[in-house]
Amino acid sequence: MVVMFPDRSGLTGTLIVLVSAALFGTLGVLSRTAYDAGLAPFAFVAWRASVGAIGLWLAILLARGRGRSIVTWRGMSGPTRRALGIAILIGTALNLLIFFAFDRTSIALALLGFYTYPAMVAAASVVLGRERLDRGRVVALVLALGGMSAVVLGGSDPATVLRLDAIGIGAALGAALCQAGFVLLSRGYASVPTDQAMATILGGTALISIAVAIVTGGPATLAMPVGSPSLLGLLLAVGIFAAAVPSFLFLTGIRRIGAVRTGIIMLAEPVVGVTLAGIFLAESVTALQAIGGMTILLAAVIVQRESRPADDPAPVALAPGGP
């Protein structure tokens, strides 16, 4: 058994999480493009998870040829299998809930609800005794949440009335709860290498999402991209660069620098989304959004500088061939 020690300086882990946030931040523009081409949200979720899972498993099989072993489902302990099974259900619910929220309420309100999850993670980590929430992390969390609110709401048109829907906001908060649960549950399958864990989770998410897409929209909803080379190419890129790669990096970041720091740094995601929307969708970036973005980056610097080796997560034991 190989033991992977946490990232003592935290810099590598921070950079990994920032890259993950940047890649996840492309989903706003990419999903909008897919929807404009006629693809339904649940079909988008199914294609994204399917391509991501296939891409990760292909990479794992190629690595196996260089001497890496694969942890089979039977080879896992009972608690590990249960944790991975729950992670699959949570990951699926997260995706379906947030896209449902986008359909029911204003996107700005849905994002505000969803990005409360770092606060949930921080609170739960303290209650569970996993991590210490010192003054530096509290300041960073408050700054990051405030900056995120400025980024999300700063681009709202004052003439546009926010569509307040209790069910939609509830779905967004449910998605936030799922994301917090996903982060906290990641310790339950720490013995499974990161790439194999995420490939399994994405694969399970794909199967459930495919069933949901068929039930809600029929088989034709899923088959539509096959007849559109441009849409199919977009979905292949989404699956690899907005699912497989960032999901792998996200879990890697959690295992290196802990749940609280990862959650705070992940609030850089809406900054990337807003920037890309300004570039590709001609959505102007306001001064308030720019200030919010700088505040989030400041929070990332604070949480990096304030972290001490004593606050690092405990070493994670990985099976041979783990990352």
Protein backbone atom coordinates (compact mmCIF):
# COMPACT_ATOMS: atom_id res chain seq x y z
CA MET A 1 0.00 0.00 0.00
CA VAL A 2 1.26 3.45 -0.92
CA VAL A 3 0.62 6.41 1.34
CA MET A 4 0.09 9.82 -0.25
CA PHE A 5 0.92 12.68 2.09
CA PRO A 6 -0.99 15.94 1.77
CA ASP A 7 0.42 18.96 -0.01
CA ARG A 8 2.32 20.69 2.82
CA SER A 9 2.79 24.05 1.10
CA GLY A 10 -0.67 23.86 -0.41
CA LEU A 11 0.49 25.69 -3.53
CA THR A 12 0.27 22.71 -5.86
CA GLY A 13 -3.15 21.77 -4.51
CA THR A 14 -4.36 25.36 -4.84
CA LEU A 15 -3.26 25.52 -8.47
CA ILE A 16 -4.94 22.17 -9.18
CA VAL A 17 -8.23 23.42 -7.74
CA LEU A 18 -7.98 26.72 -9.66
CA VAL A 19 -7.55 24.82 -12.93
CA SER A 20 -10.55 22.66 -12.00
CA ALA A 21 -12.63 25.76 -11.26
CA ALA A 22 -11.57 27.33 -14.56
CA LEU A 23 -12.61 24.26 -16.56
CA PHE A 24 -15.92 23.93 -14.71
CA GLY A 25 -16.45 27.64 -15.37
CA THR A 26 -16.70 26.93 -19.10
CA LEU A 27 -19.96 25.01 -18.61
CA GLY A 28 -22.12 28.13 -18.73
CA VAL A 29 -21.05 29.04 -22.26
CA LEU A 30 -20.83 25.44 -23.49
CA SER A 31 -24.24 24.40 -22.14
CA ARG A 32 -25.85 27.55 -23.57
CA THR A 33 -24.40 26.65 -26.98
CA ALA A 34 -25.76 23.10 -26.71
CA TYR A 35 -29.20 24.34 -25.67
CA ASP A 36 -29.30 26.78 -28.59
CA ALA A 37 -28.64 23.79 -30.85
CA GLY A 38 -31.75 22.10 -29.45
CA LEU A 39 -30.30 19.74 -26.83
CA ALA A 40 -32.37 19.28 -23.67
CA PRO A 41 -30.67 19.88 -20.27
CA PHE A 42 -30.99 16.29 -19.01
CA ALA A 43 -29.61 14.97 -22.30
CA PHE A 44 -26.69 17.37 -21.91
CA VAL A 45 -26.02 15.95 -18.43
CA ALA A 46 -26.16 12.38 -19.77
CA TRP A 47 -23.78 13.04 -22.67
CA ARG A 48 -21.33 14.98 -20.49
CA ALA A 49 -21.14 12.25 -17.85
CA SER A 50 -20.94 9.45 -20.45
CA VAL A 51 -18.10 10.98 -22.45
CA GLY A 52 -16.28 11.92 -19.25
CA ALA A 53 -16.52 8.38 -17.86
CA ILE A 54 -15.38 6.78 -21.13
CA GLY A 55 -12.47 9.20 -21.40
CA LEU A 56 -11.28 8.52 -17.87
CA TRP A 57 -11.59 4.74 -18.21
CA LEU A 58 -9.61 4.80 -21.47
CA ALA A 59 -6.86 6.75 -19.72
CA ILE A 60 -6.91 4.26 -16.83
CA LEU A 61 -6.67 1.27 -19.18
CA LEU A 62 -3.74 2.88 -21.00
CA ALA A 63 -2.01 3.50 -17.67
CA ARG A 64 -2.64 -0.12 -16.70
CA GLY A 65 -0.43 -1.14 -19.60
CA ARG A 66 2.43 0.64 -17.83
CA GLY A 67 2.04 -1.46 -14.69
CA ARG A 68 -0.82 0.24 -12.88
CA SER A 69 -3.42 -1.95 -11.24
CA ILE A 70 -7.17 -1.43 -11.25
CA VAL A 71 -9.18 -1.63 -8.06
CA THR A 72 -12.21 -3.72 -8.93
CA TRP A 73 -15.63 -3.31 -7.36
CA ARG A 74 -15.29 -6.71 -5.68
CA GLY A 75 -11.84 -5.80 -4.46
CA MET A 76 -13.17 -2.85 -2.50
CA SER A 77 -14.28 -3.13 1.10
CA GLY A 78 -17.97 -2.93 1.94
CA PRO A 79 -17.76 0.63 3.35
CA THR A 80 -15.83 1.79 0.27
CA ARG A 81 -18.44 0.36 -2.09
CA ARG A 82 -21.21 2.01 -0.09
CA ALA A 83 -19.43 5.37 -0.11
CA LEU A 84 -18.88 5.20 -3.88
CA GLY A 85 -22.49 4.17 -4.45
CA ILE A 86 -23.73 7.11 -2.41
CA ALA A 87 -21.33 9.42 -4.28
CA ILE A 88 -22.84 8.28 -7.58
CA LEU A 89 -26.36 9.07 -6.35
CA ILE A 90 -25.29 12.42 -4.94
CA GLY A 91 -23.43 13.37 -8.11
CA THR A 92 -26.43 12.53 -10.26
CA ALA A 93 -28.82 14.43 -8.01
CA LEU A 94 -26.49 17.42 -8.02
CA ASN A 95 -26.49 17.68 -11.82
CA LEU A 96 -30.21 17.11 -12.26
CA LEU A 97 -31.16 19.55 -9.48
CA ILE A 98 -29.01 22.44 -10.66
CA PHE A 99 -30.24 22.19 -14.25
CA PHE A 100 -33.81 21.95 -12.98
CA ALA A 101 -33.19 25.06 -10.90
CA PHE A 102 -31.91 26.94 -13.97
CA ASP A 103 -35.22 26.15 -15.68
CA ARG A 104 -37.44 27.20 -12.74
CA THR A 105 -35.82 30.37 -11.44
CA SER A 106 -33.40 33.10 -12.48
CA ILE A 107 -29.93 31.75 -13.08
CA ALA A 108 -28.46 34.38 -10.76
CA LEU A 109 -30.64 33.18 -7.87
CA ALA A 110 -29.90 29.54 -8.67
CA LEU A 111 -26.16 30.23 -8.61
CA LEU A 112 -26.42 32.14 -5.35
CA GLY A 113 -28.14 29.15 -3.82
CA PHE A 114 -25.69 26.63 -5.22
CA TYR A 115 -22.52 28.46 -4.21
CA THR A 116 -23.48 28.37 -0.55
CA TYR A 117 -21.95 24.88 -0.49
CA PRO A 118 -18.45 26.01 0.65
CA ALA A 119 -20.06 27.44 3.80
CA MET A 120 -21.88 24.12 4.32
CA VAL A 121 -18.61 22.22 3.88
CA ALA A 122 -16.81 24.51 6.34
CA ALA A 123 -19.51 24.20 8.97
CA ALA A 124 -19.78 20.43 8.64
CA SER A 125 -15.99 19.98 8.71
CA VAL A 126 -15.80 21.86 12.01
CA VAL A 127 -18.71 19.95 13.52
CA LEU A 128 -17.17 16.63 12.46
CA GLY A 129 -13.79 17.68 13.83
CA ARG A 130 -12.06 17.19 10.47
CA GLU A 131 -10.64 20.68 9.96
CA ARG A 132 -10.10 23.81 12.04
CA LEU A 133 -11.85 27.00 10.91
CA ASP A 134 -9.36 29.64 12.05
CA ARG A 135 -9.64 33.39 11.62
CA GLY A 136 -7.87 33.39 8.26
CA ARG A 137 -10.22 30.81 6.80
CA VAL A 138 -13.28 32.60 8.16
CA VAL A 139 -12.14 35.87 6.56
CA ALA A 140 -11.37 34.08 3.30
CA LEU A 141 -14.76 32.33 3.28
CA VAL A 142 -16.66 35.57 3.93
CA LEU A 143 -14.70 37.43 1.24
CA ALA A 144 -15.17 34.60 -1.26
CA LEU A 145 -18.93 34.36 -0.68
CA GLY A 146 -19.28 38.15 -0.90
CA GLY A 147 -17.20 38.26 -4.07
CA MET A 148 -19.24 35.44 -5.58
CA SER A 149 -22.47 37.32 -4.85
CA ALA A 150 -21.07 40.42 -6.54
CA VAL A 151 -19.98 38.41 -9.58
CA VAL A 152 -23.35 36.67 -9.94
CA LEU A 153 -25.67 39.59 -9.21
CA GLY A 154 -23.42 42.32 -10.63
CA GLY A 155 -24.34 41.38 -14.19
CA SER A 156 -28.09 41.39 -13.66
CA ASP A 157 -30.01 43.89 -15.74
CA PRO A 158 -31.73 46.34 -13.33
CA ALA A 159 -34.71 46.43 -15.71
CA THR A 160 -35.11 42.65 -15.46
CA VAL A 161 -37.21 41.27 -12.63
CA LEU A 162 -35.60 38.29 -10.93
CA ARG A 163 -37.80 35.21 -11.35
CA LEU A 164 -38.34 34.10 -7.77
CA ASP A 165 -39.54 30.51 -7.60
CA ALA A 166 -39.51 28.64 -4.29
CA ILE A 167 -39.18 25.22 -5.96
CA GLY A 168 -36.31 26.40 -8.17
CA ILE A 169 -34.43 27.98 -5.27
CA GLY A 170 -35.06 24.86 -3.21
CA ALA A 171 -33.56 22.79 -6.03
CA ALA A 172 -30.48 25.04 -6.11
CA LEU A 173 -30.02 24.69 -2.36
CA GLY A 174 -30.53 20.95 -2.75
CA ALA A 175 -27.75 20.93 -5.34
CA ALA A 176 -25.53 22.83 -2.91
CA LEU A 177 -26.28 20.27 -0.20
CA CYS A 178 -25.41 17.48 -2.64
CA GLN A 179 -22.11 19.15 -3.53
CA ALA A 180 -21.25 19.59 0.15
CA GLY A 181 -22.12 15.94 0.78
CA PHE A 182 -20.00 14.85 -2.18
CA VAL A 183 -16.99 16.73 -0.83
CA LEU A 184 -17.39 15.44 2.71
CA LEU A 185 -18.04 11.87 1.57
CA SER A 186 -14.83 11.70 -0.46
CA ARG A 187 -12.95 10.30 2.54
CA GLY A 188 -15.14 7.23 2.39
CA TYR A 189 -13.44 5.95 -0.76
CA ALA A 190 -9.94 7.32 -0.13
CA SER A 191 -8.45 3.88 -0.78
CA VAL A 192 -9.55 4.06 -4.44
CA PRO A 193 -7.18 5.99 -6.77
CA THR A 194 -8.57 9.37 -7.76
CA ASP A 195 -8.96 8.62 -11.47
CA GLN A 196 -10.72 5.31 -10.85
CA ALA A 197 -13.02 6.85 -8.23
CA MET A 198 -14.11 9.65 -10.56
CA ALA A 199 -14.46 7.30 -13.54
CA THR A 200 -16.78 5.10 -11.47
CA ILE A 201 -18.81 8.07 -10.23
CA LEU A 202 -19.15 9.56 -13.71
CA GLY A 203 -20.11 6.17 -15.14
CA GLY A 204 -22.85 5.67 -12.58
CA THR A 205 -24.05 9.25 -13.08
CA ALA A 206 -24.20 8.63 -16.83
CA LEU A 207 -26.37 5.52 -16.50
CA ILE A 208 -28.88 7.21 -14.20
CA SER A 209 -28.93 10.43 -16.26
CA ILE A 210 -29.55 8.47 -19.47
CA ALA A 211 -32.57 6.83 -17.85
CA VAL A 212 -33.89 10.19 -16.63
CA ALA A 213 -33.38 11.78 -20.07
CA ILE A 214 -35.25 8.95 -21.79
CA VAL A 215 -38.14 9.09 -19.32
CA THR A 216 -38.49 12.88 -19.55
CA GLY A 217 -37.77 13.42 -23.24
CA GLY A 218 -37.71 10.07 -25.01
CA PRO A 219 -34.84 8.28 -26.78
CA ALA A 220 -34.80 10.87 -29.56
CA THR A 221 -33.54 13.46 -27.07
CA LEU A 222 -30.37 11.50 -26.52
CA ALA A 223 -29.92 10.50 -30.17
CA MET A 224 -30.14 14.05 -31.55
CA PRO A 225 -26.39 14.88 -31.39
CA VAL A 226 -25.56 11.87 -33.58
CA GLY A 227 -27.02 13.69 -36.57
CA SER A 228 -25.22 16.94 -35.82
CA PRO A 229 -21.41 16.73 -36.16
CA SER A 230 -20.87 20.16 -34.63
CA LEU A 231 -23.01 19.39 -31.58
CA LEU A 232 -21.41 15.96 -31.21
CA GLY A 233 -17.96 17.55 -31.32
CA LEU A 234 -19.03 20.06 -28.69
CA LEU A 235 -20.29 17.31 -26.38
CA LEU A 236 -17.08 15.32 -26.79
CA ALA A 237 -15.09 18.38 -25.76
CA VAL A 238 -17.46 19.04 -22.84
CA GLY A 239 -17.16 15.45 -21.63
CA ILE A 240 -13.37 15.54 -21.57
CA PHE A 241 -12.55 19.12 -20.60
CA ALA A 242 -15.63 20.07 -18.55
CA ALA A 243 -16.25 16.70 -16.87
CA ALA A 244 -13.40 14.16 -16.85
CA VAL A 245 -10.43 16.48 -16.34
CA PRO A 246 -11.93 19.00 -13.87
CA SER A 247 -13.67 16.26 -11.85
CA PHE A 248 -10.37 14.41 -11.49
CA LEU A 249 -8.60 17.63 -10.49
CA PHE A 250 -11.39 18.55 -8.06
CA LEU A 251 -11.09 15.29 -6.14
CA THR A 252 -7.29 15.53 -6.29
CA GLY A 253 -7.50 18.98 -4.73
CA ILE A 254 -9.74 17.77 -1.92
CA ARG A 255 -7.30 14.98 -1.12
CA ARG A 256 -4.32 17.33 -1.17
CA ILE A 257 -5.49 20.47 0.67
CA GLY A 258 -8.72 19.48 2.39
CA ALA A 259 -12.40 20.22 1.89
CA VAL A 260 -12.59 23.75 3.31
CA ARG A 261 -9.73 25.23 1.29
CA THR A 262 -10.94 23.49 -1.85
CA GLY A 263 -14.46 24.88 -1.41
CA ILE A 264 -13.20 28.44 -0.96
CA ILE A 265 -10.90 28.30 -3.98
CA MET A 266 -13.65 26.73 -6.13
CA LEU A 267 -15.59 29.99 -5.80
CA ALA A 268 -13.32 31.23 -8.59
CA GLU A 269 -15.54 29.20 -10.92
CA PRO A 270 -18.21 31.91 -11.48
CA VAL A 271 -15.44 34.43 -12.22
CA VAL A 272 -14.32 32.28 -15.15
CA GLY A 273 -17.93 31.78 -16.25
CA VAL A 274 -18.67 35.50 -16.26
CA THR A 275 -15.42 36.28 -18.11
CA LEU A 276 -16.16 33.72 -20.82
CA ALA A 277 -19.73 34.96 -21.13
CA GLY A 278 -18.35 38.44 -21.73
CA ILE A 279 -15.99 37.16 -24.42
CA PHE A 280 -18.18 34.66 -26.27
CA LEU A 281 -21.75 35.75 -25.48
CA ALA A 282 -21.19 39.52 -25.61
CA GLU A 283 -22.33 39.87 -22.00
CA SER A 284 -20.61 42.91 -20.54
CA VAL A 285 -18.63 42.62 -17.31
CA THR A 286 -19.60 45.32 -14.81
CA ALA A 287 -17.35 47.09 -12.32
CA LEU A 288 -19.10 45.28 -9.46
CA GLN A 289 -18.34 41.93 -11.07
CA ALA A 290 -14.70 42.89 -11.53
CA ILE A 291 -14.45 43.86 -7.86
CA GLY A 292 -16.15 40.60 -6.88
CA GLY A 293 -13.67 38.63 -8.95
CA MET A 294 -10.70 40.36 -7.32
CA THR A 295 -12.24 39.70 -3.90
CA ILE A 296 -12.46 35.97 -4.62
CA LEU A 297 -8.85 35.88 -5.77
CA LEU A 298 -7.87 37.76 -2.60
CA ALA A 299 -9.69 35.13 -0.57
CA ALA A 300 -7.73 32.40 -2.37
CA VAL A 301 -4.46 34.17 -1.49
CA ILE A 302 -5.51 34.54 2.16
CA VAL A 303 -6.53 30.90 2.59
CA GLN A 304 -3.24 29.86 0.98
CA ARG A 305 -1.06 32.09 3.17
CA GLU A 306 -2.96 31.40 6.39
CA SER A 307 -2.80 27.61 6.06
CA ARG A 308 -0.35 25.79 8.30
CA PRO A 309 0.99 22.23 8.06
CA ALA A 310 -0.91 21.35 11.24
CA ASP A 311 -4.17 22.15 9.49
CA ASP A 312 -3.48 19.86 6.55
CA PRO A 313 -5.74 16.86 6.03
CA ALA A 314 -4.54 13.56 7.35
CA PRO A 315 -2.47 11.36 5.02
CA VAL A 316 -4.58 9.39 2.58
CA ALA A 317 -3.77 5.72 2.06
CA LEU A 318 -4.06 4.73 -1.57
CA ALA A 319 -3.94 1.42 -3.31
CA PRO A 320 -0.80 0.70 -5.36
CA GLY A 321 -0.78 2.78 -8.55
CA GLY A 322 -2.72 5.68 -7.00
CA PRO A 323 -1.94 9.25 -8.01
